[in-house]
């Protein structure tokens, strides 16, 4: 039996826990590596000043939009690819892979050009104050130059995962992140370029990571990207929209949420923006593990759903929820106790620490609920349940978050800014439970 046949057999017949662990571990490492980009940039600019720290946080919404576009094409094509491979329709999967690759690269170029033309307005929309704006523009310009490579990397990473080749995706992501750790301090401090150097080091690392991922896609049993296979069949774009809009909704609304959070925090000064920015990066580090477990579940879910092995889909879902709860139990207690020290490590400023530590503790309380929301969303998305997947994707950072961030700060002041995400998680969890109950009842 060939390697692709081995993948099919393992995903559809192997022990559930072992299969998901094998898929999830490389994916978790990939997600942690991705978060290293954010943490490294935040740490080094924190050595410059509070405004530079805040600028990286202000730039985060646009970075989220770029990643959302990459995930739209990657998850949209990947969910379809995994179901087709599960149904043993390899040629169809190959055409989808190349079609989505072209779409992701074109979208990245469009974002880069439009963003550079509107650099100052975008910086202000994302929450820059007059004192933060010069730093934001320098860093954001570099982020935009790397947009095509970021969307391309997200696409290739997701397509490899959905084919059951998470290890290849991990190696590609790791190379860029390791290079980022080396280049950022050189450009930022050794060459004396400040926050502009941070951006240059990051974009060069992303370009290198993209090249490695592209090379990796031509090794082993990965589907090879061939431009001649790209086509304009309506069917593929409909499938990308069905499979990709939950990711686009989830991350696109996350960008809007961070913008509104920056604007709400900005009322209380640059230190409040910097504090909330650091909390966002630290939470992303923990959720890299949670998202990694969910993304490890997706190829398992896609193959077994395509093969109509619905009992295994159910088993896999509850295994991931339990695993996430165990991981979070390990993270929550030390995170809650040492919240002040974690914020201080990123930026030694008492005002930043006061805001950040309070917000971090509030978010830690509802992390377990957010884990259930994340796994549920990925299960619905991979199964092709577009409407409930989009509803759930929109909850945590949109349907629940946006009304709260527009009202709680007016009612509770800075405390309202700090607790908004936690309250949104409670409401989102309450929506996720009936959606998943209905989903499992439908798997006959």
Protein backbone atom coordinates (compact mmCIF):
# COMPACT_ATOMS: atom_id res chain seq x y z
CA UNK A 1 0.00 0.00 0.00
CA UNK A 2 1.33 3.47 -0.84
CA UNK A 3 1.90 6.31 1.64
CA UNK A 4 -1.40 7.96 0.78
CA UNK A 5 -3.22 4.69 1.36
CA UNK A 6 -1.45 4.33 4.69
CA UNK A 7 -2.71 7.79 5.70
CA UNK A 8 -6.27 6.86 4.79
CA UNK A 9 -6.11 3.58 6.72
CA UNK A 10 -4.52 5.18 9.78
CA UNK A 11 -7.01 8.07 9.93
CA UNK A 12 -10.10 5.91 9.44
CA UNK A 13 -9.16 2.79 11.45
CA UNK A 14 -6.40 3.70 13.92
CA UNK A 15 -7.05 4.23 17.66
CA UNK A 16 -8.78 7.60 18.03
CA UNK A 17 -6.47 9.02 20.70
CA UNK A 18 -3.33 7.89 18.89
CA UNK A 19 -4.48 9.26 15.53
CA UNK A 20 -5.41 12.69 16.90
CA UNK A 21 -2.21 12.87 18.97
CA UNK A 22 -0.13 12.15 15.88
CA UNK A 23 -1.98 14.81 13.91
CA UNK A 24 -2.13 17.32 16.78
CA UNK A 25 1.44 17.32 18.14
CA UNK A 26 3.09 18.69 14.96
CA UNK A 27 0.18 21.11 14.55
CA UNK A 28 0.51 22.35 18.13
CA UNK A 29 4.21 22.92 17.53
CA UNK A 30 3.38 24.79 14.30
CA UNK A 31 0.89 27.01 16.13
CA UNK A 32 3.32 27.66 18.97
CA UNK A 33 5.97 28.52 16.43
CA UNK A 34 3.56 30.94 14.73
CA UNK A 35 2.91 32.61 18.07
CA UNK A 36 6.68 33.00 18.51
CA UNK A 37 6.59 35.68 15.78
CA UNK A 38 4.18 37.70 17.92
CA UNK A 39 5.91 37.09 21.24
CA UNK A 40 9.40 37.84 19.88
CA UNK A 41 8.26 41.11 18.31
CA UNK A 42 6.39 42.12 21.48
CA UNK A 43 9.34 41.29 23.73
CA UNK A 44 11.94 43.19 21.72
CA UNK A 45 9.85 46.29 21.07
CA UNK A 46 9.07 46.25 24.80
CA UNK A 47 12.75 47.05 25.29
CA UNK A 48 12.31 50.19 23.18
CA UNK A 49 9.38 51.95 24.91
CA UNK A 50 5.67 51.69 25.76
CA UNK A 51 4.62 53.33 22.47
CA UNK A 52 6.50 50.70 20.44
CA UNK A 53 4.85 47.92 22.46
CA UNK A 54 1.45 49.50 21.81
CA UNK A 55 2.25 49.86 18.08
CA UNK A 56 2.74 46.11 17.66
CA UNK A 57 -0.65 45.62 19.32
CA UNK A 58 -2.23 48.20 17.04
CA UNK A 59 -0.82 46.40 14.00
CA UNK A 60 -2.24 43.08 15.16
CA UNK A 61 -5.73 43.56 13.63
CA UNK A 62 -4.28 43.89 10.13
CA UNK A 63 -2.02 40.89 10.73
CA UNK A 64 -5.14 38.99 11.76
CA UNK A 65 -6.89 40.02 8.54
CA UNK A 66 -3.96 38.79 6.44
CA UNK A 67 -3.91 35.50 8.34
CA UNK A 68 -7.69 35.26 8.00
CA UNK A 69 -7.40 35.48 4.20
CA UNK A 70 -4.72 32.79 4.21
CA UNK A 71 -6.84 30.58 6.46
CA UNK A 72 -9.88 31.20 4.27
CA UNK A 73 -8.13 29.68 1.26
CA UNK A 74 -6.22 27.09 3.31
CA UNK A 75 -9.10 25.81 5.42
CA UNK A 76 -11.64 26.27 2.63
CA UNK A 77 -9.62 24.10 0.28
CA UNK A 78 -8.26 21.84 3.03
CA UNK A 79 -11.63 20.73 4.39
CA UNK A 80 -12.69 19.83 0.86
CA UNK A 81 -9.38 18.09 0.12
CA UNK A 82 -9.62 15.91 3.25
CA UNK A 83 -13.18 14.85 2.43
CA UNK A 84 -12.23 14.05 -1.17
CA UNK A 85 -9.21 12.03 -0.07
CA UNK A 86 -11.47 10.25 2.43
CA UNK A 87 -13.78 9.44 -0.50
CA UNK A 88 -10.68 8.47 -2.61
CA UNK A 89 -11.12 11.25 -5.21
CA UNK A 90 -7.47 12.29 -5.56
CA UNK A 91 -7.59 14.16 -8.88
CA UNK A 92 -10.32 16.47 -7.60
CA UNK A 93 -8.27 17.22 -4.49
CA UNK A 94 -5.23 18.14 -6.61
CA UNK A 95 -7.16 20.67 -8.69
CA UNK A 96 -8.57 22.31 -5.57
CA UNK A 97 -5.10 22.61 -3.99
CA UNK A 98 -3.58 24.50 -6.93
CA UNK A 99 -6.65 26.68 -7.47
CA UNK A 100 -6.61 27.82 -3.84
CA UNK A 101 -2.85 28.50 -3.92
CA UNK A 102 -3.23 30.96 -6.80
CA UNK A 103 -6.15 32.63 -5.05
CA UNK A 104 -4.21 33.05 -1.78
CA UNK A 105 -1.19 34.61 -3.48
CA UNK A 106 -3.27 37.04 -5.54
CA UNK A 107 -5.23 38.08 -2.45
CA UNK A 108 -1.98 38.70 -0.55
CA UNK A 109 -0.68 41.01 -3.29
CA UNK A 110 -3.94 42.97 -3.35
CA UNK A 111 -3.82 43.44 0.44
CA UNK A 112 -0.20 44.60 0.29
CA UNK A 113 -0.81 47.21 -2.41
CA UNK A 114 -4.05 48.55 -0.92
CA UNK A 115 -2.61 48.60 2.59
CA UNK A 116 0.52 50.55 1.64
CA UNK A 117 -1.57 53.12 -0.22
CA UNK A 118 -3.77 53.59 2.86
CA UNK A 119 -1.09 53.12 5.52
CA UNK A 120 -1.87 56.15 7.72
CA UNK A 121 -5.69 55.80 7.73
CA UNK A 122 -5.42 52.07 8.49
CA UNK A 123 -3.04 52.77 11.39
CA UNK A 124 -5.55 55.22 12.88
CA UNK A 125 -8.50 52.88 12.31
CA UNK A 126 -6.61 50.13 14.14
CA UNK A 127 -6.32 52.33 17.23
CA UNK A 128 -3.14 54.42 16.91
CA UNK A 129 -2.92 57.52 19.05
CA UNK A 130 -0.78 60.45 17.79
CA UNK A 131 2.15 59.30 19.93
CA UNK A 132 1.92 55.68 18.72
CA UNK A 133 1.32 56.47 15.01
CA UNK A 134 4.97 56.89 13.87
CA UNK A 135 5.88 53.49 15.32
CA UNK A 136 2.78 51.82 13.88
CA UNK A 137 3.42 53.05 10.34
CA UNK A 138 6.99 51.73 10.28
CA UNK A 139 6.07 48.30 11.60
CA UNK A 140 2.84 47.97 9.62
CA UNK A 141 4.55 48.80 6.32
CA UNK A 142 6.79 45.76 6.77
CA UNK A 143 3.82 43.58 7.74
CA UNK A 144 2.08 44.57 4.50
CA UNK A 145 5.13 43.81 2.35
CA UNK A 146 5.04 40.28 3.74
CA UNK A 147 1.30 39.80 3.13
CA UNK A 148 1.56 37.53 0.02
CA UNK A 149 4.04 35.27 1.80
CA UNK A 150 1.88 35.13 4.92
CA UNK A 151 -1.27 34.17 3.00
CA UNK A 152 0.73 31.64 0.99
CA UNK A 153 2.24 30.11 4.14
CA UNK A 154 -1.15 29.81 5.84
CA UNK A 155 -2.57 28.08 2.76
CA UNK A 156 0.27 25.55 2.40
CA UNK A 157 0.34 24.84 6.13
CA UNK A 158 -3.38 24.08 6.22
CA UNK A 159 -3.41 22.00 3.05
CA UNK A 160 -0.62 19.78 4.36
CA UNK A 161 -2.43 19.30 7.66
CA UNK A 162 -5.68 18.31 6.02
CA UNK A 163 -3.82 15.69 3.99
CA UNK A 164 -2.60 14.16 7.25
CA UNK A 165 0.96 15.49 6.80
CA UNK A 166 1.14 17.80 9.81
CA UNK A 167 4.85 17.08 10.37
CA UNK A 168 5.80 18.62 7.01
CA UNK A 169 3.76 21.71 7.84
CA UNK A 170 5.50 21.92 11.23
CA UNK A 171 9.00 21.88 9.74
CA UNK A 172 8.11 24.64 7.31
CA UNK A 173 6.70 26.90 10.02
CA UNK A 174 9.56 26.25 12.43
CA UNK A 175 12.29 27.42 10.05
CA UNK A 176 10.75 30.86 9.66
CA UNK A 177 10.16 31.28 13.40
CA UNK A 178 13.71 30.26 14.34
CA UNK A 179 15.10 32.73 11.82
CA UNK A 180 12.79 35.41 13.26
CA UNK A 181 14.30 34.96 16.74
CA UNK A 182 17.76 35.54 15.24
CA UNK A 183 17.02 38.40 12.82
CA UNK A 184 14.74 40.64 14.90
CA UNK A 185 17.31 41.60 17.59
CA UNK A 186 20.00 42.08 14.92
CA UNK A 187 17.90 44.55 12.89
CA UNK A 188 16.26 46.16 15.93
CA UNK A 189 19.29 46.75 18.15
CA UNK A 190 22.58 45.72 16.51
CA UNK A 191 21.81 47.74 13.37
CA UNK A 192 19.97 50.39 15.41
CA UNK A 193 16.83 50.35 13.26
CA UNK A 194 14.33 50.22 16.13
CA UNK A 195 10.79 49.06 15.39
CA UNK A 196 11.44 49.28 11.63
CA UNK A 197 14.14 46.65 12.10
CA UNK A 198 11.67 44.48 14.02
CA UNK A 199 9.36 44.57 11.00
CA UNK A 200 12.18 43.86 8.52
CA UNK A 201 13.40 40.86 10.52
CA UNK A 202 9.86 39.50 10.71
CA UNK A 203 9.07 39.84 7.00
CA UNK A 204 12.38 38.26 5.93
CA UNK A 205 11.63 35.32 8.23
CA UNK A 206 8.15 34.94 6.75
CA UNK A 207 9.52 34.92 3.20
CA UNK A 208 12.02 32.21 4.12
CA UNK A 209 9.33 30.17 5.89
CA UNK A 210 7.07 30.39 2.82
CA UNK A 211 9.84 29.13 0.52
CA UNK A 212 10.52 26.18 2.82
CA UNK A 213 6.81 25.30 2.99
CA UNK A 214 6.54 25.44 -0.80
CA UNK A 215 9.54 23.13 -1.17
CA UNK A 216 8.11 20.77 1.47
CA UNK A 217 4.85 20.55 -0.47
CA UNK A 218 6.72 18.76 -3.26
CA UNK A 219 8.07 16.06 -0.95
CA UNK A 220 6.48 12.82 0.19
CA UNK A 221 2.82 12.18 -0.50
CA UNK A 222 1.76 15.84 -0.34
CA UNK A 223 -0.35 17.10 -3.22
CA UNK A 224 2.03 18.98 -5.51
CA UNK A 225 1.08 22.55 -6.38
CA UNK A 226 0.92 22.87 -10.19
CA UNK A 227 -0.20 26.14 -11.77
CA UNK A 228 -1.59 24.22 -14.75
CA UNK A 229 -4.03 22.50 -12.38
CA UNK A 230 -5.51 25.83 -11.23
CA UNK A 231 -8.93 26.41 -12.78
CA UNK A 232 -11.98 28.64 -12.58
CA UNK A 233 -14.61 25.99 -11.91
CA UNK A 234 -17.40 27.51 -9.85
CA UNK A 235 -17.66 24.33 -7.80
CA UNK A 236 -14.24 24.85 -6.20
CA UNK A 237 -14.93 28.43 -5.18
CA UNK A 238 -18.28 27.47 -3.68
CA UNK A 239 -16.53 24.77 -1.64
CA UNK A 240 -13.83 27.24 -0.55
CA UNK A 241 -16.51 29.67 0.59
CA UNK A 242 -18.35 26.93 2.47
CA UNK A 243 -15.23 25.59 4.17
CA UNK A 244 -13.31 28.84 4.52
CA UNK A 245 -15.87 31.40 5.67
CA UNK A 246 -15.90 30.11 9.28
CA UNK A 247 -12.14 30.81 9.48
CA UNK A 248 -12.57 34.15 7.72
CA UNK A 249 -15.43 35.03 10.04
CA UNK A 250 -13.57 33.90 13.15
CA UNK A 251 -10.32 35.71 12.41
CA UNK A 252 -11.82 38.65 10.57
CA UNK A 253 -14.03 39.43 13.53
CA UNK A 254 -11.02 38.91 15.81
CA UNK A 255 -9.34 41.75 13.91
CA UNK A 256 -12.40 43.97 14.37
CA UNK A 257 -12.50 43.00 18.05
CA UNK A 258 -8.86 44.02 18.59
CA UNK A 259 -9.45 47.32 16.79
CA UNK A 260 -12.41 48.11 19.04
CA UNK A 261 -10.45 46.95 22.07
CA UNK A 262 -7.56 49.28 21.16
CA UNK A 263 -9.94 52.19 20.71
CA UNK A 264 -11.68 51.47 24.03
CA UNK A 265 -8.36 51.08 25.85
CA UNK A 266 -6.93 54.19 24.19
CA UNK A 267 -9.27 56.34 26.28
CA UNK A 268 -7.14 55.33 29.28
CA UNK A 269 -3.76 56.05 27.64
CA UNK A 270 -0.95 54.30 25.75
CA UNK A 271 -0.21 52.07 28.76
CA UNK A 272 -3.71 50.58 28.59
CA UNK A 273 -3.29 49.76 24.88
CA UNK A 274 0.12 48.22 25.57
CA UNK A 275 -1.24 46.17 28.49
CA UNK A 276 -4.16 44.76 26.49
CA UNK A 277 -1.80 44.10 23.57
CA UNK A 278 0.50 41.98 25.73
CA UNK A 279 -2.47 40.04 27.12
CA UNK A 280 -3.59 39.30 23.58
CA UNK A 281 -0.18 37.89 22.67
CA UNK A 282 0.08 35.78 25.83
CA UNK A 283 -3.44 34.39 25.34
CA UNK A 284 -2.59 33.59 21.73
CA UNK A 285 0.38 31.57 22.99
CA UNK A 286 -1.90 29.39 25.14
CA UNK A 287 -4.56 29.18 22.45
CA UNK A 288 -1.91 28.09 19.97
CA UNK A 289 -2.06 24.78 21.83
CA UNK A 290 -5.87 24.70 21.90
CA UNK A 291 -6.13 25.62 18.23
CA UNK A 292 -3.41 23.07 17.48
CA UNK A 293 -5.48 20.30 19.07
CA UNK A 294 -8.51 21.43 17.06
CA UNK A 295 -6.55 21.58 13.84
CA UNK A 296 -5.10 18.14 14.57
CA UNK A 297 -8.69 16.91 14.87
CA UNK A 298 -9.70 18.42 11.50
CA UNK A 299 -8.02 15.90 9.13
CA UNK A 300 -9.32 13.10 11.36
CA UNK A 301 -12.80 14.62 11.21
CA UNK A 302 -12.65 15.26 7.47
CA UNK A 303 -11.47 11.77 6.49
CA UNK A 304 -13.93 9.99 8.79
CA UNK A 305 -16.83 12.25 7.86
CA UNK A 306 -16.04 11.67 4.17
CA UNK A 307 -15.93 7.91 4.84
CA UNK A 308 -19.21 8.21 6.80
CA UNK A 309 -17.63 6.89 10.00
CA UNK A 310 -19.68 9.21 12.19
CA UNK A 311 -19.06 7.29 15.42
CA UNK A 312 -15.35 8.05 15.10
CA UNK A 313 -16.11 11.73 14.50
CA UNK A 314 -18.03 11.83 17.79
CA UNK A 315 -15.26 10.00 19.66
CA UNK A 316 -12.62 12.33 18.26
CA UNK A 317 -14.54 15.45 19.24
CA UNK A 318 -14.93 14.48 22.89
CA UNK A 319 -11.33 13.27 23.07
CA UNK A 320 -10.16 16.75 21.95
CA UNK A 321 -12.40 18.56 24.44
CA UNK A 322 -11.04 16.44 27.31
CA UNK A 323 -7.46 16.91 26.13
CA UNK A 324 -7.90 20.69 25.93
CA UNK A 325 -9.32 20.77 29.46
CA UNK A 326 -6.27 18.92 30.79
CA UNK A 327 -3.89 21.28 29.00
CA UNK A 328 -5.70 24.36 30.28
CA UNK A 329 -5.73 23.03 33.84
CA UNK A 330 -1.93 23.03 33.67
CA UNK A 331 -1.78 26.56 32.21
CA UNK A 332 -4.50 28.33 34.22
CA UNK A 333 -3.14 28.09 37.76
CA UNK A 334 0.42 29.39 37.17
CA UNK A 335 -0.93 31.98 34.71
CA UNK A 336 -3.36 33.33 37.29
CA UNK A 337 -0.77 33.39 40.08
CA UNK A 338 2.06 34.93 38.07
CA UNK A 339 0.02 37.30 35.88
CA UNK A 340 1.92 40.38 37.09
CA UNK A 341 5.30 38.80 36.42
CA UNK A 342 4.30 37.69 32.92
CA UNK A 343 3.20 41.19 31.91
CA UNK A 344 6.27 42.78 33.53
CA UNK A 345 8.51 40.44 31.53
CA UNK A 346 7.12 41.87 28.29
CA UNK A 347 7.11 45.53 29.38
CA UNK A 348 8.51 46.85 32.66
CA UNK A 349 6.00 49.65 33.28
CA UNK A 350 3.76 49.67 36.40
CA UNK A 351 0.78 51.12 34.50
CA UNK A 352 1.06 48.49 31.77
CA UNK A 353 1.39 45.71 34.35
CA UNK A 354 -1.67 46.90 36.32
CA UNK A 355 -3.95 46.79 33.25
CA UNK A 356 -2.47 43.66 31.72
CA UNK A 357 -2.44 41.51 34.86
CA UNK A 358 -6.09 42.25 35.65
CA UNK A 359 -7.21 41.49 32.09
CA UNK A 360 -5.14 38.30 31.93
CA UNK A 361 -6.68 36.92 35.12
CA UNK A 362 -10.20 37.61 33.87
CA UNK A 363 -9.50 35.79 30.60
CA UNK A 364 -7.88 32.80 32.30
CA UNK A 365 -11.13 32.14 34.17
CA UNK A 366 -13.03 31.46 30.92
CA UNK A 367 -10.28 29.71 28.92
CA UNK A 368 -11.95 26.27 29.32
CA UNK A 369 -15.15 27.61 27.74
CA UNK A 370 -13.19 29.07 24.83
CA UNK A 371 -11.57 25.67 24.23
CA UNK A 372 -14.99 24.01 23.79
CA UNK A 373 -16.04 26.82 21.43
CA UNK A 374 -12.89 26.38 19.32
CA UNK A 375 -13.11 22.58 18.90
CA UNK A 376 -16.84 22.81 18.18
CA UNK A 377 -16.31 25.41 15.50
CA UNK A 378 -13.62 23.33 13.77
CA UNK A 379 -15.80 20.21 13.90
CA UNK A 380 -18.73 21.97 12.23
CA UNK A 381 -16.46 23.64 9.68
CA UNK A 382 -14.70 20.44 8.60
CA UNK A 383 -18.02 18.60 8.34
CA UNK A 384 -19.27 21.19 5.84
CA UNK A 385 -21.95 22.57 8.22
CA UNK A 386 -21.50 26.10 6.92
CA UNK A 387 -24.33 27.95 8.69
CA UNK A 388 -23.80 26.70 12.28
CA UNK A 389 -20.01 26.91 11.78
CA UNK A 390 -20.28 30.55 10.75
CA UNK A 391 -22.65 31.36 13.60
CA UNK A 392 -20.27 29.90 16.15
CA UNK A 393 -17.23 31.46 14.47
CA UNK A 394 -18.91 34.86 14.70
CA UNK A 395 -19.78 34.57 18.40
CA UNK A 396 -16.58 34.89 20.42
CA UNK A 397 -15.16 37.95 18.67
CA UNK A 398 -18.25 39.29 16.96
CA UNK A 399 -21.88 38.64 17.85
CA UNK A 400 -21.08 38.49 21.55
CA UNK A 401 -17.90 40.56 21.81
CA UNK A 402 -18.72 43.68 19.76
CA UNK A 403 -21.91 44.69 21.64
CA UNK A 404 -20.08 44.14 24.93
CA UNK A 405 -16.99 46.21 24.05
CA UNK A 406 -19.29 49.03 22.95
CA UNK A 407 -21.25 49.01 26.23
CA UNK A 408 -19.22 47.62 29.17
CA UNK A 409 -16.46 50.30 29.13
CA UNK A 410 -19.16 52.99 29.34
CA UNK A 411 -20.74 51.22 32.31
CA UNK A 412 -17.65 49.99 34.16
CA UNK A 413 -14.77 52.09 32.84
CA UNK A 414 -11.39 50.34 32.43
CA UNK A 415 -12.77 47.24 34.15
CA UNK A 416 -15.26 46.94 31.28
CA UNK A 417 -12.35 46.80 28.82
CA UNK A 418 -10.59 44.14 30.88
CA UNK A 419 -13.59 41.76 31.29
CA UNK A 420 -15.22 42.01 27.85
CA UNK A 421 -13.58 38.90 26.37
CA UNK A 422 -14.46 36.77 29.39
CA UNK A 423 -18.12 37.77 29.31
CA UNK A 424 -18.21 37.14 25.54
CA UNK A 425 -16.83 33.63 26.12
CA UNK A 426 -19.66 32.80 28.53
CA UNK A 427 -22.31 33.81 25.98
CA UNK A 428 -20.49 32.02 23.13
CA UNK A 429 -20.30 28.79 25.14
CA UNK A 430 -24.04 28.98 25.78
CA UNK A 431 -24.57 29.10 21.99
CA UNK A 432 -22.05 26.32 21.21
CA UNK A 433 -23.69 23.66 23.39
CA UNK A 434 -27.08 23.47 21.58
CA UNK A 435 -25.39 23.74 18.16
CA UNK A 436 -23.20 20.70 18.89
CA UNK A 437 -26.09 18.79 20.43
CA UNK A 438 -28.08 19.24 17.24
CA UNK A 439 -25.04 18.30 15.11
CA UNK A 440 -24.47 14.99 16.89
CA UNK A 441 -28.15 14.10 16.73
CA UNK A 442 -27.93 14.50 12.95
CA UNK A 443 -25.07 11.97 12.57
CA UNK A 444 -27.07 8.86 11.85
